[in-house]
Every structure is written in C-alpha cells, then in structure tokens.
C-alpha cells in the first residue's frame, strides 16, 4: 500500500528556499508569483498488513520522530 506524508514549514517560519524560488521565477519571466513555500513529499510503500486501523497513528509517530521537525514543520498524512 502506498502512503504519502506532506511536510511543510509552519506558516510563521521564514522560507528562504521558497523566497529564492519566487525571485528566480520572476527573473525567468514568470511574473505575478507573490510567494512560494517549499516542502517535501515523502512516499512510502508499506506492507498491506500494516494497513489496519492504527496505520495513521503509526505514520504520525514516524512523522513526529523522524520525517518532520515538529518545532518548525507541520505534516499531513495522505492516503
């Protein structure tokens, strides 16, 4: 089973990488982009036996302990 975890910087955290992307887009002629936030998408293929009712809790534990930095990042479990 495929699962996806989206990790993004919290809204109050500055995103210098996103700002660099926004500036580069403007220099390439893509005007009108007001802001860019850069995050990461983590895809995992887990054994079907793990797809039980506690899968979301297990994924949240993975995200809290390793996939995301809870001080500056939020995450969303998709699928």
PDB file of N, CA and C in Angstrom:
ATOM      1  N   UNK A   1       0.850  -1.178   0.000  1.00  0.00           N
ATOM      2  CA  UNK A   1       0.000   0.000   0.000  1.00  0.00           C
ATOM      3  C   UNK A   1       0.890   1.234   0.000  1.00  0.00           C
ATOM      4  N   UNK A   2       0.547   2.197  -0.817  1.00  0.00           N
ATOM      5  CA  UNK A   2       1.308   3.445  -0.876  1.00  0.00           C
ATOM      6  C   UNK A   2       0.685   4.479   0.049  1.00  0.00           C
ATOM      7  N   UNK A   3       1.542   5.160   0.784  1.00  0.00           N
ATOM      8  CA  UNK A   3       1.092   6.269   1.626  1.00  0.00           C
ATOM      9  C   UNK A   3       2.003   7.460   1.366  1.00  0.00           C
ATOM     10  N   UNK A   4       1.474   8.646   1.611  1.00  0.00           N
ATOM     11  CA  UNK A   4       2.218   9.880   1.366  1.00  0.00           C
ATOM     12  C   UNK A   4       2.144  10.763   2.600  1.00  0.00           C
ATOM     13  N   UNK A   5       3.288  11.343   2.942  1.00  0.00           N
ATOM     14  CA  UNK A   5       3.351  12.315   4.029  1.00  0.00           C
ATOM     15  C   UNK A   5       3.872  13.617   3.433  1.00  0.00           C
ATOM     16  N   UNK A   6       3.091  14.685   3.555  1.00  0.00           N
ATOM     17  CA  UNK A   6       3.495  16.008   3.086  1.00  0.00           C
ATOM     18  C   UNK A   6       4.039  16.785   4.279  1.00  0.00           C
ATOM     19  N   UNK A   7       5.238  17.312   4.136  1.00  0.00           N
ATOM     20  CA  UNK A   7       5.865  18.066   5.216  1.00  0.00           C
ATOM     21  C   UNK A   7       6.081  19.493   4.730  1.00  0.00           C
ATOM     22  N   UNK A   8       5.611  20.456   5.498  1.00  0.00           N
ATOM     23  CA  UNK A   8       5.737  21.871   5.134  1.00  0.00           C
ATOM     24  C   UNK A   8       6.216  22.661   6.338  1.00  0.00           C
ATOM     25  N   UNK A   9       6.924  23.756   6.047  1.00  0.00           N
ATOM     26  CA  UNK A   9       7.287  24.663   7.126  1.00  0.00           C
ATOM     27  C   UNK A   9       6.029  25.283   7.710  1.00  0.00           C
ATOM     28  N   UNK A  10       6.007  25.512   9.006  1.00  0.00           N
ATOM     29  CA  UNK A  10       4.886  26.205   9.626  1.00  0.00           C
ATOM     30  C   UNK A  10       4.784  27.599   9.039  1.00  0.00           C
ATOM     31  N   UNK A  11       3.585  28.139   9.001  1.00  0.00           N
ATOM     32  CA  UNK A  11       3.359  29.424   8.337  1.00  0.00           C
ATOM     33  C   UNK A  11       4.167  30.552   8.957  1.00  0.00           C
ATOM     34  N   UNK A  12       4.469  30.465  10.248  1.00  0.00           N
ATOM     35  CA  UNK A  12       5.219  31.548  10.893  1.00  0.00           C
ATOM     36  C   UNK A  12       6.731  31.436  10.706  1.00  0.00           C
ATOM     37  N   UNK A  13       7.195  30.366  10.083  1.00  0.00           N
ATOM     38  CA  UNK A  13       8.624  30.160   9.855  1.00  0.00           C
ATOM     39  C   UNK A  13       8.995  30.721   8.483  1.00  0.00           C
ATOM     40  N   UNK A  14      10.034  31.524   8.430  1.00  0.00           N
ATOM     41  CA  UNK A  14      10.504  32.066   7.158  1.00  0.00           C
ATOM     42  C   UNK A  14      10.998  30.931   6.266  1.00  0.00           C
ATOM     43  N   UNK A  15      10.796  31.089   4.951  1.00  0.00           N
ATOM     44  CA  UNK A  15      11.189  30.067   3.993  1.00  0.00           C
ATOM     45  C   UNK A  15      12.157  30.667   2.979  1.00  0.00           C
ATOM     46  N   UNK A  16      13.463  30.719   3.280  1.00  0.00           N
ATOM     47  CA  UNK A  16      14.414  31.320   2.353  1.00  0.00           C
ATOM     48  C   UNK A  16      14.505  30.566   1.023  1.00  0.00           C
ATOM     49  N   UNK A  17      14.312  29.255   1.042  1.00  0.00           N
ATOM     50  CA  UNK A  17      14.339  28.498  -0.210  1.00  0.00           C
ATOM     51  C   UNK A  17      13.146  28.888  -1.083  1.00  0.00           C
ATOM     52  N   UNK A  18      11.982  29.013  -0.483  1.00  0.00           N
ATOM     53  CA  UNK A  18      10.806  29.441  -1.226  1.00  0.00           C
ATOM     54  C   UNK A  18      10.976  30.837  -1.797  1.00  0.00           C
ATOM     55  N   UNK A  19      11.588  31.732  -1.012  1.00  0.00           N
ATOM     56  CA  UNK A  19      11.827  33.093  -1.492  1.00  0.00           C
ATOM     57  C   UNK A  19      12.798  33.092  -2.671  1.00  0.00           C
ATOM     58  N   UNK A  20      13.818  32.251  -2.618  1.00  0.00           N
ATOM     59  CA  UNK A  20      14.766  32.150  -3.728  1.00  0.00           C
ATOM     60  C   UNK A  20      14.077  31.642  -4.990  1.00  0.00           C
ATOM     61  N   UNK A  21      13.175  30.681  -4.841  1.00  0.00           N
ATOM     62  CA  UNK A  21      12.422  30.164  -5.986  1.00  0.00           C
ATOM     63  C   UNK A  21      11.537  31.259  -6.570  1.00  0.00           C
ATOM     64  N   UNK A  22      10.856  32.029  -5.703  1.00  0.00           N
ATOM     65  CA  UNK A  22       9.995  33.122  -6.169  1.00  0.00           C
ATOM     66  C   UNK A  22      10.789  34.147  -6.970  1.00  0.00           C
ATOM     67  N   UNK A  23      11.959  34.533  -6.458  1.00  0.00           N
ATOM     68  CA  UNK A  23      12.799  35.504  -7.167  1.00  0.00           C
ATOM     69  C   UNK A  23      13.270  34.938  -8.504  1.00  0.00           C
ATOM     70  N   UNK A  24      13.676  33.675  -8.531  1.00  0.00           N
ATOM     71  CA  UNK A  24      14.146  33.054  -9.767  1.00  0.00           C
ATOM     72  C   UNK A  24      13.031  32.980 -10.807  1.00  0.00           C
ATOM     73  N   UNK A  25      11.820  32.678 -10.365  1.00  0.00           N
ATOM     74  CA  UNK A  25      10.689  32.641 -11.299  1.00  0.00           C
ATOM     75  C   UNK A  25      10.478  34.009 -11.938  1.00  0.00           C
ATOM     76  N   UNK A  26      10.575  35.069 -11.139  1.00  0.00           N
ATOM     77  CA  UNK A  26      10.439  36.423 -11.678  1.00  0.00           C
ATOM     78  C   UNK A  26      11.506  36.731 -12.706  1.00  0.00           C
ATOM     79  N   UNK A  27      12.741  36.329 -12.433  1.00  0.00           N
ATOM     80  CA  UNK A  27      13.839  36.571 -13.382  1.00  0.00           C
ATOM     81  C   UNK A  27      13.664  35.778 -14.673  1.00  0.00           C
ATOM     82  N   UNK A  28      12.954  34.663 -14.596  1.00  0.00           N
ATOM     83  CA  UNK A  28      12.698  33.854 -15.787  1.00  0.00           C
ATOM     84  C   UNK A  28      11.462  34.318 -16.548  1.00  0.00           C
ATOM     85  N   UNK A  29      10.833  35.383 -16.076  1.00  0.00           N
ATOM     86  CA  UNK A  29       9.687  35.943 -16.779  1.00  0.00           C
ATOM     87  C   UNK A  29       8.341  35.486 -16.246  1.00  0.00           C
ATOM     88  N   UNK A  30       8.326  34.725 -15.184  1.00  0.00           N
ATOM     89  CA  UNK A  30       7.066  34.268 -14.593  1.00  0.00           C
ATOM     90  C   UNK A  30       6.645  35.262 -13.518  1.00  0.00           C
ATOM     91  N   UNK A  31       6.096  36.385 -13.962  1.00  0.00           N
ATOM     92  CA  UNK A  31       5.702  37.461 -13.060  1.00  0.00           C
ATOM     93  C   UNK A  31       4.402  37.112 -12.342  1.00  0.00           C
ATOM     94  N   UNK A  32       4.169  37.775 -11.231  1.00  0.00           N
ATOM     95  CA  UNK A  32       2.908  37.646 -10.521  1.00  0.00           C
ATOM     96  C   UNK A  32       2.900  36.597  -9.418  1.00  0.00           C
ATOM     97  N   UNK A  33       4.001  35.892  -9.222  1.00  0.00           N
ATOM     98  CA  UNK A  33       4.052  34.914  -8.132  1.00  0.00           C
ATOM     99  C   UNK A  33       4.359  35.684  -6.851  1.00  0.00           C
ATOM    100  N   UNK A  34       3.423  35.723  -5.951  1.00  0.00           N
ATOM    101  CA  UNK A  34       3.572  36.518  -4.726  1.00  0.00           C
ATOM    102  C   UNK A  34       4.431  35.821  -3.679  1.00  0.00           C
ATOM    103  N   UNK A  35       4.248  34.527  -3.530  1.00  0.00           N
ATOM    104  CA  UNK A  35       5.044  33.809  -2.537  1.00  0.00           C
ATOM    105  C   UNK A  35       5.159  32.342  -2.930  1.00  0.00           C
ATOM    106  N   UNK A  36       6.206  31.721  -2.423  1.00  0.00           N
ATOM    107  CA  UNK A  36       6.441  30.295  -2.655  1.00  0.00           C
ATOM    108  C   UNK A  36       6.855  29.680  -1.322  1.00  0.00           C
ATOM    109  N   UNK A  37       6.299  28.546  -1.008  1.00  0.00           N
ATOM    110  CA  UNK A  37       6.701  27.768   0.165  1.00  0.00           C
ATOM    111  C   UNK A  37       7.189  26.421  -0.348  1.00  0.00           C
ATOM    112  N   UNK A  38       8.354  25.995   0.085  1.00  0.00           N
ATOM    113  CA  UNK A  38       8.920  24.729  -0.354  1.00  0.00           C
ATOM    114  C   UNK A  38       8.805  23.720   0.782  1.00  0.00           C
ATOM    115  N   UNK A  39       8.363  22.531   0.457  1.00  0.00           N
ATOM    116  CA  UNK A  39       8.239  21.466   1.438  1.00  0.00           C
ATOM    117  C   UNK A  39       8.801  20.187   0.870  1.00  0.00           C
ATOM    118  N   UNK A  40       8.406  19.078   1.460  1.00  0.00           N
ATOM    119  CA  UNK A  40       8.845  17.794   0.936  1.00  0.00           C
ATOM    120  C   UNK A  40       7.686  16.811   0.948  1.00  0.00           C
ATOM    121  N   UNK A  41       7.719  15.921  -0.014  1.00  0.00           N
ATOM    122  CA  UNK A  41       6.723  14.884  -0.164  1.00  0.00           C
ATOM    123  C   UNK A  41       7.436  13.559   0.053  1.00  0.00           C
ATOM    124  N   UNK A  42       6.954  12.782   0.995  1.00  0.00           N
ATOM    125  CA  UNK A  42       7.572  11.500   1.304  1.00  0.00           C
ATOM    126  C   UNK A  42       6.569  10.411   0.954  1.00  0.00           C
ATOM    127  N   UNK A  43       6.947   9.533   0.020  1.00  0.00           N
ATOM    128  CA  UNK A  43       6.095   8.421  -0.376  1.00  0.00           C
ATOM    129  C   UNK A  43       6.684   7.139   0.197  1.00  0.00           C
ATOM    130  N   UNK A  44       5.826   6.329   0.763  1.00  0.00           N
ATOM    131  CA  UNK A  44       6.262   5.050   1.312  1.00  0.00           C
ATOM    132  C   UNK A  44       5.359   3.942   0.805  1.00  0.00           C
ATOM    133  N   UNK A  45       5.946   2.801   0.578  1.00  0.00           N
ATOM    134  CA  UNK A  45       5.192   1.606   0.240  1.00  0.00           C
ATOM    135  C   UNK A  45       5.251   0.707   1.475  1.00  0.00           C
ATOM    136  N   UNK A  46       4.128   0.551   2.147  1.00  0.00           N
ATOM    137  CA  UNK A  46       4.092  -0.240   3.370  1.00  0.00           C
ATOM    138  C   UNK A  46       3.388  -1.564   3.097  1.00  0.00           C
ATOM    139  N   UNK A  47       3.736  -2.571   3.875  1.00  0.00           N
ATOM    140  CA  UNK A  47       3.121  -3.881   3.729  1.00  0.00           C
ATOM    141  C   UNK A  47       1.623  -3.782   3.977  1.00  0.00           C
ATOM    142  N   UNK A  48       0.869  -4.537   3.222  1.00  0.00           N
ATOM    143  CA  UNK A  48      -0.585  -4.498   3.347  1.00  0.00           C
ATOM    144  C   UNK A  48      -1.045  -4.827   4.759  1.00  0.00           C
ATOM    145  N   UNK A  49      -0.290  -5.637   5.483  1.00  0.00           N
ATOM    146  CA  UNK A  49      -0.646  -5.990   6.846  1.00  0.00           C
ATOM    147  C   UNK A  49      -0.621  -4.799   7.794  1.00  0.00           C
ATOM    148  N   UNK A  50       0.105  -3.745   7.428  1.00  0.00           N
ATOM    149  CA  UNK A  50       0.170  -2.542   8.257  1.00  0.00           C
ATOM    150  C   UNK A  50      -1.000  -1.604   8.006  1.00  0.00           C
ATOM    151  N   UNK A  51      -1.820  -1.907   7.022  1.00  0.00           N
ATOM    152  CA  UNK A  51      -2.893  -1.002   6.612  1.00  0.00           C
ATOM    153  C   UNK A  51      -4.103  -1.057   7.529  1.00  0.00           C
ATOM    154  N   UNK A  52      -3.928  -1.518   8.735  1.00  0.00           N
ATOM    155  CA  UNK A  52      -5.036  -1.609   9.673  1.00  0.00           C
ATOM    156  C   UNK A  52      -5.431  -0.256  10.233  1.00  0.00           C
ATOM    157  N   UNK A  53      -6.292  -0.254  11.226  1.00  0.00           N
ATOM    158  CA  UNK A  53      -6.820   0.996  11.784  1.00  0.00           C
ATOM    159  C   UNK A  53      -5.758   1.867  12.461  1.00  0.00           C
ATOM    160  N   UNK A  54      -4.642   1.276  12.863  1.00  0.00           N
ATOM    161  CA  UNK A  54      -3.625   2.078  13.546  1.00  0.00           C
ATOM    162  C   UNK A  54      -2.558   2.621  12.599  1.00  0.00           C
ATOM    163  N   UNK A  55      -2.746   2.465  11.286  1.00  0.00           N
ATOM    164  CA  UNK A  55      -1.731   2.932  10.321  1.00  0.00           C
ATOM    165  C   UNK A  55      -1.503   4.438  10.439  1.00  0.00           C
ATOM    166  N   UNK A  56      -2.584   5.221  10.514  1.00  0.00           N
ATOM    167  CA  UNK A  56      -2.416   6.681  10.620  1.00  0.00           C
ATOM    168  C   UNK A  56      -1.635   7.045  11.878  1.00  0.00           C
ATOM    169  N   UNK A  57      -1.907   6.363  12.977  1.00  0.00           N
ATOM    170  CA  UNK A  57      -1.177   6.630  14.217  1.00  0.00           C
ATOM    171  C   UNK A  57       0.294   6.275  14.066  1.00  0.00           C
ATOM    172  N   UNK A  58       0.577   5.171  13.401  1.00  0.00           N
ATOM    173  CA  UNK A  58       1.979   4.771  13.173  1.00  0.00           C
ATOM    174  C   UNK A  58       2.687   5.782  12.277  1.00  0.00           C
ATOM    175  N   UNK A  59       1.994   6.241  11.231  1.00  0.00           N
ATOM    176  CA  UNK A  59       2.590   7.238  10.338  1.00  0.00           C
ATOM    177  C   UNK A  59       2.818   8.554  11.074  1.00  0.00           C
ATOM    178  N   UNK A  60       1.887   8.935  11.925  1.00  0.00           N
ATOM    179  CA  UNK A  60       2.051  10.162  12.710  1.00  0.00           C
ATOM    180  C   UNK A  60       3.264  10.039  13.632  1.00  0.00           C
ATOM    181  N   UNK A  61       3.451   8.869  14.220  1.00  0.00           N
ATOM    182  CA  UNK A  61       4.606   8.647  15.088  1.00  0.00           C
ATOM    183  C   UNK A  61       5.905   8.742  14.275  1.00  0.00           C
ATOM    184  N   UNK A  62       5.899   8.157  13.058  1.00  0.00           N
ATOM    185  CA  UNK A  62       7.064   8.262  12.178  1.00  0.00           C
ATOM    186  C   UNK A  62       7.366   9.727  11.859  1.00  0.00           C
ATOM    187  N   UNK A  63       6.319  10.465  11.529  1.00  0.00           N
ATOM    188  CA  UNK A  63       6.496  11.879  11.171  1.00  0.00           C
ATOM    189  C   UNK A  63       6.999  12.684  12.360  1.00  0.00           C
ATOM    190  N   UNK A  64       6.421  12.437  13.537  1.00  0.00           N
ATOM    191  CA  UNK A  64       6.841  13.163  14.740  1.00  0.00           C
ATOM    192  C   UNK A  64       8.289  12.869  15.117  1.00  0.00           C
ATOM    193  N   UNK A  65       8.712  11.628  14.940  1.00  0.00           N
ATOM    194  CA  UNK A  65      10.030  11.224  15.409  1.00  0.00           C
ATOM    195  C   UNK A  65      11.138  11.340  14.371  1.00  0.00           C
ATOM    196  N   UNK A  66      10.786  11.328  13.061  1.00  0.00           N
ATOM    197  CA  UNK A  66      11.848  11.317  12.079  1.00  0.00           C
ATOM    198  C   UNK A  66      11.593  12.117  10.805  1.00  0.00           C
ATOM    199  N   UNK A  67      10.395  12.059  10.279  1.00  0.00           N
ATOM    200  CA  UNK A  67      10.142  12.646   8.965  1.00  0.00           C
ATOM    201  C   UNK A  67      10.023  14.165   8.991  1.00  0.00           C
ATOM    202  N   UNK A  68       9.572  14.719  10.089  1.00  0.00           N
ATOM    203  CA  UNK A  68       9.374  16.166  10.199  1.00  0.00           C
ATOM    204  C   UNK A  68      10.007  16.675  11.488  1.00  0.00           C
ATOM    205  N   UNK A  69      10.359  17.947  11.464  1.00  0.00           N
ATOM    206  CA  UNK A  69      10.835  18.612  12.668  1.00  0.00           C
ATOM    207  C   UNK A  69       9.638  19.357  13.250  1.00  0.00           C
ATOM    208  N   UNK A  70       9.020  18.834  14.310  1.00  0.00           N
ATOM    209  CA  UNK A  70       7.774  19.421  14.809  1.00  0.00           C
ATOM    210  C   UNK A  70       7.913  20.845  15.336  1.00  0.00           C
ATOM    211  N   UNK A  71       9.119  21.299  15.561  1.00  0.00           N
ATOM    212  CA  UNK A  71       9.321  22.671  16.020  1.00  0.00           C
ATOM    213  C   UNK A  71       9.029  23.665  14.897  1.00  0.00           C
ATOM    214  N   UNK A  72       9.429  23.323  13.670  1.00  0.00           N
ATOM    215  CA  UNK A  72       9.285  24.268  12.558  1.00  0.00           C
ATOM    216  C   UNK A  72       8.431  23.745  11.412  1.00  0.00           C
ATOM    217  N   UNK A  73       8.020  22.472  11.461  1.00  0.00           N
ATOM    218  CA  UNK A  73       7.289  21.894  10.341  1.00  0.00           C
ATOM    219  C   UNK A  73       5.971  21.276  10.789  1.00  0.00           C
ATOM    220  N   UNK A  74       5.003  21.324   9.887  1.00  0.00           N
ATOM    221  CA  UNK A  74       3.742  20.606  10.030  1.00  0.00           C
ATOM    222  C   UNK A  74       3.746  19.481   9.012  1.00  0.00           C
ATOM    223  N   UNK A  75       2.935  18.475   9.219  1.00  0.00           N
ATOM    224  CA  UNK A  75       2.835  17.396   8.240  1.00  0.00           C
ATOM    225  C   UNK A  75       1.381  17.001   8.054  1.00  0.00           C
ATOM    226  N   UNK A  76       1.144  16.383   6.919  1.00  0.00           N
ATOM    227  CA  UNK A  76      -0.197  15.882   6.587  1.00  0.00           C
ATOM    228  C   UNK A  76      -0.024  14.491   6.009  1.00  0.00           C
ATOM    229  N   UNK A  77      -0.797  13.553   6.510  1.00  0.00           N
ATOM    230  CA  UNK A  77      -0.742  12.183   6.010  1.00  0.00           C
ATOM    231  C   UNK A  77      -1.855  12.038   4.976  1.00  0.00           C
ATOM    232  N   UNK A  78      -1.461  11.608   3.772  1.00  0.00           N
ATOM    233  CA  UNK A  78      -2.409  11.472   2.667  1.00  0.00           C
ATOM    234  C   UNK A  78      -2.437   9.999   2.261  1.00  0.00           C
ATOM    235  N   UNK A  79      -3.622   9.449   2.140  1.00  0.00           N
ATOM    236  CA  UNK A  79      -3.749   8.060   1.684  1.00  0.00           C
ATOM    237  C   UNK A  79      -3.428   7.113   2.726  1.00  0.00           C
TER     238      UNK A  79
END
